[in-house]
Amino acid sequence: MHTVDSKILASNNFYKDDLNVKNKIFKVRLNNSQPLRDTIYKYSNEVVGMTYKLNVHIDNDIHICDVEKTVLDIPFNEIKFIQFGILRLLGSVSSVPTNMYYLLIYIETKESIKLGMVDNSLQHYFDYVKLLKDHDFPLEDPFKIAEMNLTDLTQTYNYLQKNYDKLAVTAGYHSNKSHLN
């Protein structure tokens, strides 16, 4: 099992619309093909100062795109490994602070480029695995996401609230506080 570079998970390491996602963490939307909605999303979030999502298209390579341009293409033969993890971030529900859990798709290339793609839905884990399996790089799952019942969101949340620290230590993540604080 490989280790995720903790520098990638630093709060000051988010992608900033500068076309450089290498060694950064960034929010993504998988295989989204709705350009009008993406454009509206991008500019409305910029107005309120939020980081917008990039689109990830997976076919014979991994393509990371914003609404208007390709930011990075990663050929499968350049990937050293992909690790699926879970990030615990401090968020809020109805203005009440709470932990939120996100899918992390950590990619490291043979040239030591590191990417931390954050998807809002843990349920997308199975979509990513389906698109990425059967290639010449390992898919790692130290959190054992494949064994979780992701269809019951309350059960998943309660399980992670109870077990995240132990899972994070096993996976080599720091767990004493929410990530990206």
C-alpha atoms as a PDB file:
ATOM      1  CA  MET A   1       0.000   0.000   0.000  1.00  0.00           C
ATOM      2  CA  HIS A   2       1.351   3.408  -0.985  1.00  0.00           C
ATOM      3  CA  THR A   3       1.239   6.493   1.212  1.00  0.00           C
ATOM      4  CA  VAL A   4      -0.620   9.674   0.313  1.00  0.00           C
ATOM      5  CA  ASP A   5       1.646  12.732   0.359  1.00  0.00           C
ATOM      6  CA  SER A   6       0.354  14.841   3.277  1.00  0.00           C
ATOM      7  CA  LYS A   7       1.491  18.045   1.512  1.00  0.00           C
ATOM      8  CA  ILE A   8      -1.176  17.408  -1.120  1.00  0.00           C
ATOM      9  CA  LEU A   9      -3.861  17.534   1.607  1.00  0.00           C
ATOM     10  CA  ALA A  10      -2.775  20.907   3.006  1.00  0.00           C
ATOM     11  CA  SER A  11      -5.431  23.619   3.228  1.00  0.00           C
ATOM     12  CA  ASN A  12      -3.367  26.029   1.118  1.00  0.00           C
ATOM     13  CA  ASN A  13      -2.937  23.490  -1.667  1.00  0.00           C
ATOM     14  CA  PHE A  14      -6.240  23.827  -3.565  1.00  0.00           C
ATOM     15  CA  TYR A  15      -6.252  24.390  -7.305  1.00  0.00           C
ATOM     16  CA  LYS A  16      -6.705  28.107  -8.043  1.00  0.00           C
ATOM     17  CA  ASP A  17      -7.794  28.257 -11.707  1.00  0.00           C
ATOM     18  CA  ASP A  18      -4.212  28.713 -12.886  1.00  0.00           C
ATOM     19  CA  LEU A  19      -4.182  25.595 -15.113  1.00  0.00           C
ATOM     20  CA  ASN A  20      -1.761  23.875 -12.725  1.00  0.00           C
ATOM     21  CA  VAL A  21      -3.331  20.866 -10.992  1.00  0.00           C
ATOM     22  CA  LYS A  22      -0.053  19.033 -10.546  1.00  0.00           C
ATOM     23  CA  ASN A  23       0.636  18.368  -6.864  1.00  0.00           C
ATOM     24  CA  LYS A  24      -2.682  20.022  -5.926  1.00  0.00           C
ATOM     25  CA  ILE A  25      -6.002  18.989  -4.474  1.00  0.00           C
ATOM     26  CA  PHE A  26      -9.155  19.927  -6.336  1.00  0.00           C
ATOM     27  CA  LYS A  27     -12.867  19.194  -6.477  1.00  0.00           C
ATOM     28  CA  VAL A  28     -14.073  17.164  -9.437  1.00  0.00           C
ATOM     29  CA  ARG A  29     -17.211  16.003 -11.170  1.00  0.00           C
ATOM     30  CA  LEU A  30     -16.928  12.669 -12.964  1.00  0.00           C
ATOM     31  CA  ASN A  31     -17.746  12.500 -16.687  1.00  0.00           C
ATOM     32  CA  ASN A  32     -20.048  15.455 -16.648  1.00  0.00           C
ATOM     33  CA  SER A  33     -21.085  16.532 -20.115  1.00  0.00           C
ATOM     34  CA  GLN A  34     -23.347  19.488 -19.330  1.00  0.00           C
ATOM     35  CA  PRO A  35     -21.300  22.527 -20.375  1.00  0.00           C
ATOM     36  CA  LEU A  36     -24.025  25.129 -19.718  1.00  0.00           C
ATOM     37  CA  ARG A  37     -24.522  23.940 -16.133  1.00  0.00           C
ATOM     38  CA  ASP A  38     -20.744  23.769 -15.625  1.00  0.00           C
ATOM     39  CA  THR A  39     -20.309  27.342 -16.853  1.00  0.00           C
ATOM     40  CA  ILE A  40     -23.070  28.623 -14.562  1.00  0.00           C
ATOM     41  CA  TYR A  41     -21.609  26.653 -11.651  1.00  0.00           C
ATOM     42  CA  LYS A  42     -18.099  27.950 -12.286  1.00  0.00           C
ATOM     43  CA  TYR A  43     -18.984  31.642 -12.456  1.00  0.00           C
ATOM     44  CA  SER A  44     -21.562  31.608  -9.650  1.00  0.00           C
ATOM     45  CA  ASN A  45     -18.991  30.009  -7.341  1.00  0.00           C
ATOM     46  CA  GLU A  46     -16.319  32.492  -8.381  1.00  0.00           C
ATOM     47  CA  VAL A  47     -18.652  35.363  -7.432  1.00  0.00           C
ATOM     48  CA  VAL A  48     -18.950  34.009  -3.881  1.00  0.00           C
ATOM     49  CA  GLY A  49     -15.261  33.068  -3.735  1.00  0.00           C
ATOM     50  CA  MET A  50     -15.651  29.282  -3.793  1.00  0.00           C
ATOM     51  CA  THR A  51     -13.452  26.804  -5.598  1.00  0.00           C
ATOM     52  CA  TYR A  52     -15.289  25.317  -8.549  1.00  0.00           C
ATOM     53  CA  LYS A  53     -15.172  21.748  -9.734  1.00  0.00           C
ATOM     54  CA  LEU A  54     -13.216  20.441 -12.630  1.00  0.00           C
ATOM     55  CA  ASN A  55     -14.585  17.732 -14.866  1.00  0.00           C
ATOM     56  CA  VAL A  56     -12.893  14.356 -15.107  1.00  0.00           C
ATOM     57  CA  HIS A  57     -13.401  12.293 -18.238  1.00  0.00           C
ATOM     58  CA  ILE A  58     -12.001   8.778 -18.294  1.00  0.00           C
ATOM     59  CA  ASP A  59     -11.669   6.849 -21.523  1.00  0.00           C
ATOM     60  CA  ASN A  60      -8.232   5.639 -22.621  1.00  0.00           C
ATOM     61  CA  ASP A  61      -6.647   8.311 -20.428  1.00  0.00           C
ATOM     62  CA  ILE A  62      -7.715  10.549 -17.566  1.00  0.00           C
ATOM     63  CA  HIS A  63      -8.685  14.015 -18.801  1.00  0.00           C
ATOM     64  CA  ILE A  64      -9.060  16.858 -16.325  1.00  0.00           C
ATOM     65  CA  CYS A  65     -10.910  19.802 -17.814  1.00  0.00           C
ATOM     66  CA  ASP A  66     -12.553  22.985 -16.715  1.00  0.00           C
ATOM     67  CA  VAL A  67     -15.470  24.338 -18.711  1.00  0.00           C
ATOM     68  CA  GLU A  68     -13.376  25.862 -21.469  1.00  0.00           C
ATOM     69  CA  LYS A  69     -10.126  23.927 -21.704  1.00  0.00           C
ATOM     70  CA  THR A  70      -8.197  20.770 -20.902  1.00  0.00           C
ATOM     71  CA  VAL A  71      -6.093  21.286 -17.796  1.00  0.00           C
ATOM     72  CA  LEU A  72      -4.218  17.957 -17.806  1.00  0.00           C
ATOM     73  CA  ASP A  73      -4.279  14.630 -19.639  1.00  0.00           C
ATOM     74  CA  ILE A  74      -2.807  11.610 -17.867  1.00  0.00           C
ATOM     75  CA  PRO A  75      -2.172   8.584 -20.082  1.00  0.00           C
ATOM     76  CA  PHE A  76      -2.821   5.313 -18.258  1.00  0.00           C
ATOM     77  CA  ASN A  77       0.718   4.109 -18.977  1.00  0.00           C
ATOM     78  CA  GLU A  78       2.106   7.036 -16.931  1.00  0.00           C
ATOM     79  CA  ILE A  79       0.140   6.178 -13.762  1.00  0.00           C
ATOM     80  CA  LYS A  80       2.104   4.566 -10.948  1.00  0.00           C
ATOM     81  CA  PHE A  81      -0.959   3.961  -8.722  1.00  0.00           C
ATOM     82  CA  ILE A  82      -4.383   5.301  -7.765  1.00  0.00           C
ATOM     83  CA  GLN A  83      -5.579   5.225  -4.187  1.00  0.00           C
ATOM     84  CA  PHE A  84      -9.155   5.793  -3.089  1.00  0.00           C
ATOM     85  CA  GLY A  85      -9.578   7.375   0.300  1.00  0.00           C
ATOM     86  CA  ILE A  86     -11.984   9.386   2.361  1.00  0.00           C
ATOM     87  CA  LEU A  87     -11.429  12.957   3.499  1.00  0.00           C
ATOM     88  CA  ARG A  88     -13.166  14.263   6.591  1.00  0.00           C
ATOM     89  CA  LEU A  89     -13.754  17.978   6.243  1.00  0.00           C
ATOM     90  CA  LEU A  90     -15.504  20.344   8.584  1.00  0.00           C
ATOM     91  CA  GLY A  91     -18.735  21.488   6.971  1.00  0.00           C
ATOM     92  CA  SER A  92     -22.180  22.490   8.081  1.00  0.00           C
ATOM     93  CA  VAL A  93     -25.764  21.387   7.729  1.00  0.00           C
ATOM     94  CA  SER A  94     -28.314  24.153   8.330  1.00  0.00           C
ATOM     95  CA  SER A  95     -25.495  26.269   9.820  1.00  0.00           C
ATOM     96  CA  VAL A  96     -24.604  23.539  12.349  1.00  0.00           C
ATOM     97  CA  PRO A  97     -20.926  22.517  12.110  1.00  0.00           C
ATOM     98  CA  THR A  98     -20.485  18.833  11.322  1.00  0.00           C
ATOM     99  CA  ASN A  99     -18.025  16.469   9.712  1.00  0.00           C
ATOM    100  CA  MET A 100     -18.510  15.846   6.016  1.00  0.00           C
ATOM    101  CA  TYR A 101     -16.970  12.895   4.188  1.00  0.00           C
ATOM    102  CA  TYR A 102     -15.692  13.055   0.609  1.00  0.00           C
ATOM    103  CA  LEU A 103     -14.153  10.576  -1.799  1.00  0.00           C
ATOM    104  CA  LEU A 104     -10.463  11.205  -2.461  1.00  0.00           C
ATOM    105  CA  ILE A 105      -8.989   9.866  -5.690  1.00  0.00           C
ATOM    106  CA  TYR A 106      -5.250  10.208  -5.206  1.00  0.00           C
ATOM    107  CA  ILE A 107      -3.165   9.683  -8.346  1.00  0.00           C
ATOM    108  CA  GLU A 108       0.595   9.442  -8.511  1.00  0.00           C
ATOM    109  CA  THR A 109       2.370   9.209 -11.856  1.00  0.00           C
ATOM    110  CA  LYS A 110       5.678   7.563 -12.672  1.00  0.00           C
ATOM    111  CA  GLU A 111       7.154  11.094 -12.919  1.00  0.00           C
ATOM    112  CA  SER A 112       6.033  11.752  -9.295  1.00  0.00           C
ATOM    113  CA  ILE A 113       3.202  14.102 -10.238  1.00  0.00           C
ATOM    114  CA  LYS A 114       0.585  13.872  -7.497  1.00  0.00           C
ATOM    115  CA  LEU A 115      -3.077  14.780  -7.782  1.00  0.00           C
ATOM    116  CA  GLY A 116      -5.780  14.776  -5.123  1.00  0.00           C
ATOM    117  CA  MET A 117      -9.189  14.731  -6.768  1.00  0.00           C
ATOM    118  CA  VAL A 118     -12.070  15.238  -4.321  1.00  0.00           C
ATOM    119  CA  ASP A 119     -15.537  14.037  -5.318  1.00  0.00           C
ATOM    120  CA  ASN A 120     -18.542  15.102  -3.236  1.00  0.00           C
ATOM    121  CA  SER A 121     -20.087  11.632  -3.368  1.00  0.00           C
ATOM    122  CA  LEU A 122     -18.620   8.482  -1.882  1.00  0.00           C
ATOM    123  CA  GLN A 123     -21.077   6.605  -4.090  1.00  0.00           C
ATOM    124  CA  HIS A 124     -19.015   7.564  -7.158  1.00  0.00           C
ATOM    125  CA  TYR A 125     -16.298   5.188  -5.911  1.00  0.00           C
ATOM    126  CA  PHE A 126     -17.831   2.333  -7.899  1.00  0.00           C
ATOM    127  CA  ASP A 127     -18.038   4.483 -11.053  1.00  0.00           C
ATOM    128  CA  TYR A 128     -14.343   5.345 -10.838  1.00  0.00           C
ATOM    129  CA  VAL A 129     -13.351   1.736 -10.186  1.00  0.00           C
ATOM    130  CA  LYS A 130     -15.383   0.530 -13.157  1.00  0.00           C
ATOM    131  CA  LEU A 131     -13.611   3.010 -15.451  1.00  0.00           C
ATOM    132  CA  LEU A 132     -10.110   2.489 -14.030  1.00  0.00           C
ATOM    133  CA  LYS A 133      -9.901  -1.259 -13.428  1.00  0.00           C
ATOM    134  CA  ASP A 134      -8.113  -3.638 -15.776  1.00  0.00           C
ATOM    135  CA  HIS A 135      -5.128  -1.390 -16.407  1.00  0.00           C
ATOM    136  CA  ASP A 136      -1.459  -1.771 -15.549  1.00  0.00           C
ATOM    137  CA  PHE A 137      -1.555   0.155 -12.287  1.00  0.00           C
ATOM    138  CA  PRO A 138      -2.868  -0.767  -8.847  1.00  0.00           C
ATOM    139  CA  LEU A 139      -6.140   0.583  -7.473  1.00  0.00           C
ATOM    140  CA  GLU A 140      -5.779   0.796  -3.713  1.00  0.00           C
ATOM    141  CA  ASP A 141      -8.629   1.010  -1.210  1.00  0.00           C
ATOM    142  CA  PRO A 142      -7.170   1.298   2.312  1.00  0.00           C
ATOM    143  CA  PHE A 143     -10.482   2.570   3.720  1.00  0.00           C
ATOM    144  CA  LYS A 144     -12.243  -0.533   2.343  1.00  0.00           C
ATOM    145  CA  ILE A 145     -14.843   1.643   0.626  1.00  0.00           C
ATOM    146  CA  ALA A 146     -15.878  -1.315  -1.538  1.00  0.00           C
ATOM    147  CA  GLU A 147     -17.170  -3.049   1.605  1.00  0.00           C
ATOM    148  CA  MET A 148     -19.275  -0.104   2.815  1.00  0.00           C
ATOM    149  CA  ASN A 149     -23.017   0.169   2.238  1.00  0.00           C
ATOM    150  CA  LEU A 150     -22.931   3.478   0.381  1.00  0.00           C
ATOM    151  CA  THR A 151     -26.607   3.383  -0.593  1.00  0.00           C
ATOM    152  CA  ASP A 152     -27.724   4.225   2.954  1.00  0.00           C
ATOM    153  CA  LEU A 153     -26.225   7.681   3.526  1.00  0.00           C
ATOM    154  CA  THR A 154     -27.191   7.833   7.211  1.00  0.00           C
ATOM    155  CA  GLN A 155     -25.641   4.444   7.906  1.00  0.00           C
ATOM    156  CA  THR A 156     -22.480   5.424   6.009  1.00  0.00           C
ATOM    157  CA  TYR A 157     -22.225   8.721   7.914  1.00  0.00           C
ATOM    158  CA  ASN A 158     -22.721   7.025  11.291  1.00  0.00           C
ATOM    159  CA  TYR A 159     -20.156   4.349  10.411  1.00  0.00           C
ATOM    160  CA  LEU A 160     -17.575   6.971   9.416  1.00  0.00           C
ATOM    161  CA  GLN A 161     -18.301   9.115  12.480  1.00  0.00           C
ATOM    162  CA  LYS A 162     -17.543   6.096  14.652  1.00  0.00           C
ATOM    163  CA  ASN A 163     -14.666   4.533  12.701  1.00  0.00           C
ATOM    164  CA  TYR A 164     -12.934   7.277  10.695  1.00  0.00           C
ATOM    165  CA  ASP A 165     -10.005   7.772  13.058  1.00  0.00           C
ATOM    166  CA  LYS A 166      -9.130   4.075  13.024  1.00  0.00           C
ATOM    167  CA  LEU A 167      -9.566   3.827   9.248  1.00  0.00           C
ATOM    168  CA  ALA A 168      -7.470   6.968   8.722  1.00  0.00           C
ATOM    169  CA  VAL A 169      -4.602   5.643  10.840  1.00  0.00           C
ATOM    170  CA  THR A 170      -4.690   2.319   8.971  1.00  0.00           C
ATOM    171  CA  ALA A 171      -4.591   4.202   5.659  1.00  0.00           C
ATOM    172  CA  GLY A 172      -1.755   6.470   6.798  1.00  0.00           C
ATOM    173  CA  TYR A 173      -3.864   9.638   6.920  1.00  0.00           C
ATOM    174  CA  HIS A 174      -3.639  12.039   9.824  1.00  0.00           C
ATOM    175  CA  SER A 175      -6.852  11.667  11.797  1.00  0.00           C
ATOM    176  CA  ASN A 176      -6.636  13.840  14.889  1.00  0.00           C
ATOM    177  CA  LYS A 177      -8.669  16.576  13.191  1.00  0.00           C
ATOM    178  CA  SER A 178     -10.574  17.175   9.997  1.00  0.00           C
ATOM    179  CA  HIS A 179      -8.403  17.400   6.899  1.00  0.00           C
ATOM    180  CA  LEU A 180      -7.665  20.757   5.310  1.00  0.00           C
ATOM    181  CA  ASN A 181      -8.064  22.788   8.506  1.00  0.00           C
END
